[in-house]
């Protein structure tokens, strides 16, 4: 696994493996262990999380103590953009493409 890509600035952070609550992006200084950097973050889900959390976390871009946190998997494309590996839109497009003639 390569180094973690920042959810905010889309640059490599130099972190690998587990992200600690105090870790921040060296380029833009945002917290990395927060809802916005989590693979379960989904603006369309209840409380913007795909996991069954007991209460909403009001500030999505600050570190928190959520037990469900997992680093969001992202890859660099050729256009130097970052995209979710398990992007909902990408899965939907691939599914729709199966039925095109």
C-alpha atoms as a PDB file:
ATOM      1  CA  UNK A   1       0.000   0.000   0.000  1.00  0.00           C
ATOM      2  CA  UNK A   2       1.374   3.423  -0.917  1.00  0.00           C
ATOM      3  CA  UNK A   3       1.349   6.506   1.166  1.00  0.00           C
ATOM      4  CA  UNK A   4      -1.942   8.047   2.280  1.00  0.00           C
ATOM      5  CA  UNK A   5      -3.472  10.672   0.000  1.00  0.00           C
ATOM      6  CA  UNK A   6      -4.957  13.705   1.760  1.00  0.00           C
ATOM      7  CA  UNK A   7      -8.743  13.974   1.445  1.00  0.00           C
ATOM      8  CA  UNK A   8      -8.467  17.774   1.205  1.00  0.00           C
ATOM      9  CA  UNK A   9      -5.533  18.634  -1.071  1.00  0.00           C
ATOM     10  CA  UNK A  10      -5.141  15.242  -2.833  1.00  0.00           C
ATOM     11  CA  UNK A  11      -1.370  15.124  -2.230  1.00  0.00           C
ATOM     12  CA  UNK A  12       0.650  12.319  -0.730  1.00  0.00           C
ATOM     13  CA  UNK A  13       1.131  12.678   3.013  1.00  0.00           C
ATOM     14  CA  UNK A  14       4.011  10.297   3.664  1.00  0.00           C
ATOM     15  CA  UNK A  15       1.898   8.284   6.134  1.00  0.00           C
ATOM     16  CA  UNK A  16       1.510   4.545   5.671  1.00  0.00           C
ATOM     17  CA  UNK A  17      -0.575   2.107   7.666  1.00  0.00           C
ATOM     18  CA  UNK A  18      -2.577   3.212  10.680  1.00  0.00           C
ATOM     19  CA  UNK A  19      -3.516   6.882  10.974  1.00  0.00           C
ATOM     20  CA  UNK A  20      -3.394   8.322  14.476  1.00  0.00           C
ATOM     21  CA  UNK A  21      -5.797  10.945  15.795  1.00  0.00           C
ATOM     22  CA  UNK A  22      -3.018  13.561  15.908  1.00  0.00           C
ATOM     23  CA  UNK A  23      -1.854  13.020  12.301  1.00  0.00           C
ATOM     24  CA  UNK A  24      -2.283  15.953   9.942  1.00  0.00           C
ATOM     25  CA  UNK A  25      -1.471  16.543   6.281  1.00  0.00           C
ATOM     26  CA  UNK A  26       2.015  18.095   5.983  1.00  0.00           C
ATOM     27  CA  UNK A  27       0.890  20.238   3.014  1.00  0.00           C
ATOM     28  CA  UNK A  28      -2.496  21.679   4.095  1.00  0.00           C
ATOM     29  CA  UNK A  29      -2.537  20.823   7.836  1.00  0.00           C
ATOM     30  CA  UNK A  30      -6.019  19.224   7.908  1.00  0.00           C
ATOM     31  CA  UNK A  31      -6.739  16.324  10.252  1.00  0.00           C
ATOM     32  CA  UNK A  32      -6.393  12.971   8.486  1.00  0.00           C
ATOM     33  CA  UNK A  33      -8.306  10.807  10.969  1.00  0.00           C
ATOM     34  CA  UNK A  34     -11.712  12.401  10.497  1.00  0.00           C
ATOM     35  CA  UNK A  35     -15.010  11.583   8.790  1.00  0.00           C
ATOM     36  CA  UNK A  36     -13.946  13.181   5.491  1.00  0.00           C
ATOM     37  CA  UNK A  37     -10.897  10.885   5.365  1.00  0.00           C
ATOM     38  CA  UNK A  38     -12.866   7.741   6.228  1.00  0.00           C
ATOM     39  CA  UNK A  39     -13.955   5.102   3.728  1.00  0.00           C
ATOM     40  CA  UNK A  40     -17.445   5.077   5.275  1.00  0.00           C
ATOM     41  CA  UNK A  41     -18.036   8.815   4.712  1.00  0.00           C
ATOM     42  CA  UNK A  42     -21.004   9.236   2.369  1.00  0.00           C
ATOM     43  CA  UNK A  43     -22.886  12.555   2.123  1.00  0.00           C
ATOM     44  CA  UNK A  44     -26.034  10.721   0.984  1.00  0.00           C
ATOM     45  CA  UNK A  45     -26.214   8.342   3.973  1.00  0.00           C
ATOM     46  CA  UNK A  46     -27.812   8.878   7.360  1.00  0.00           C
ATOM     47  CA  UNK A  47     -25.506  11.132   9.377  1.00  0.00           C
ATOM     48  CA  UNK A  48     -23.183  11.017   6.324  1.00  0.00           C
ATOM     49  CA  UNK A  49     -21.844   7.594   7.304  1.00  0.00           C
ATOM     50  CA  UNK A  50     -22.364   4.135   5.769  1.00  0.00           C
ATOM     51  CA  UNK A  51     -21.755   2.489   9.146  1.00  0.00           C
ATOM     52  CA  UNK A  52     -24.350   2.145  11.902  1.00  0.00           C
ATOM     53  CA  UNK A  53     -23.101   4.888  14.201  1.00  0.00           C
ATOM     54  CA  UNK A  54     -25.155   5.694  17.311  1.00  0.00           C
ATOM     55  CA  UNK A  55     -24.982   9.485  17.050  1.00  0.00           C
ATOM     56  CA  UNK A  56     -24.048  12.033  14.399  1.00  0.00           C
ATOM     57  CA  UNK A  57     -20.561  13.497  14.362  1.00  0.00           C
ATOM     58  CA  UNK A  58     -21.216  17.199  13.733  1.00  0.00           C
ATOM     59  CA  UNK A  59     -17.790  18.323  12.488  1.00  0.00           C
ATOM     60  CA  UNK A  60     -16.723  16.043   9.633  1.00  0.00           C
ATOM     61  CA  UNK A  61     -13.282  17.556   8.987  1.00  0.00           C
ATOM     62  CA  UNK A  62     -11.859  17.401  12.542  1.00  0.00           C
ATOM     63  CA  UNK A  63     -10.337  14.428  14.373  1.00  0.00           C
ATOM     64  CA  UNK A  64     -12.769  12.328  16.372  1.00  0.00           C
ATOM     65  CA  UNK A  65     -12.899   9.105  18.365  1.00  0.00           C
ATOM     66  CA  UNK A  66     -15.083   7.059  15.988  1.00  0.00           C
ATOM     67  CA  UNK A  67     -14.438   3.328  16.358  1.00  0.00           C
ATOM     68  CA  UNK A  68     -15.542   2.654  12.772  1.00  0.00           C
ATOM     69  CA  UNK A  69     -12.802   4.789  11.151  1.00  0.00           C
ATOM     70  CA  UNK A  70     -10.925   3.202   8.249  1.00  0.00           C
ATOM     71  CA  UNK A  71      -8.677   5.124   5.886  1.00  0.00           C
ATOM     72  CA  UNK A  72     -10.433   6.013   2.645  1.00  0.00           C
ATOM     73  CA  UNK A  73      -8.840   4.091  -0.211  1.00  0.00           C
ATOM     74  CA  UNK A  74      -7.960   6.395  -3.077  1.00  0.00           C
ATOM     75  CA  UNK A  75      -5.885   6.196  -6.214  1.00  0.00           C
ATOM     76  CA  UNK A  76      -4.278   8.740  -8.510  1.00  0.00           C
ATOM     77  CA  UNK A  77      -5.624   8.697 -12.045  1.00  0.00           C
ATOM     78  CA  UNK A  78      -3.660   9.827 -15.094  1.00  0.00           C
ATOM     79  CA  UNK A  79      -5.328  13.252 -14.864  1.00  0.00           C
ATOM     80  CA  UNK A  80      -3.664  13.783 -11.435  1.00  0.00           C
ATOM     81  CA  UNK A  81      -7.027  13.599  -9.679  1.00  0.00           C
ATOM     82  CA  UNK A  82      -7.902  11.453  -6.690  1.00  0.00           C
ATOM     83  CA  UNK A  83     -10.866   9.117  -6.853  1.00  0.00           C
ATOM     84  CA  UNK A  84     -12.377   6.667  -4.377  1.00  0.00           C
ATOM     85  CA  UNK A  85     -11.592   3.054  -5.109  1.00  0.00           C
ATOM     86  CA  UNK A  86     -15.138   2.129  -4.113  1.00  0.00           C
ATOM     87  CA  UNK A  87     -16.856   5.208  -5.586  1.00  0.00           C
ATOM     88  CA  UNK A  88     -20.632   4.851  -5.724  1.00  0.00           C
ATOM     89  CA  UNK A  89     -20.892   6.821  -8.994  1.00  0.00           C
ATOM     90  CA  UNK A  90     -18.231   4.680 -10.642  1.00  0.00           C
ATOM     91  CA  UNK A  91     -19.976   1.441  -9.621  1.00  0.00           C
ATOM     92  CA  UNK A  92     -23.304   2.778 -10.919  1.00  0.00           C
ATOM     93  CA  UNK A  93     -21.750   3.771 -14.254  1.00  0.00           C
ATOM     94  CA  UNK A  94     -20.155   0.340 -14.683  1.00  0.00           C
ATOM     95  CA  UNK A  95     -23.480  -1.324 -13.873  1.00  0.00           C
ATOM     96  CA  UNK A  96     -25.381   0.878 -16.344  1.00  0.00           C
ATOM     97  CA  UNK A  97     -22.760   0.175 -19.018  1.00  0.00           C
ATOM     98  CA  UNK A  98     -23.524  -3.537 -18.756  1.00  0.00           C
ATOM     99  CA  UNK A  99     -26.970  -2.944 -20.254  1.00  0.00           C
ATOM    100  CA  UNK A 100     -26.054  -0.535 -23.040  1.00  0.00           C
ATOM    101  CA  UNK A 101     -26.278  -1.728 -26.604  1.00  0.00           C
END
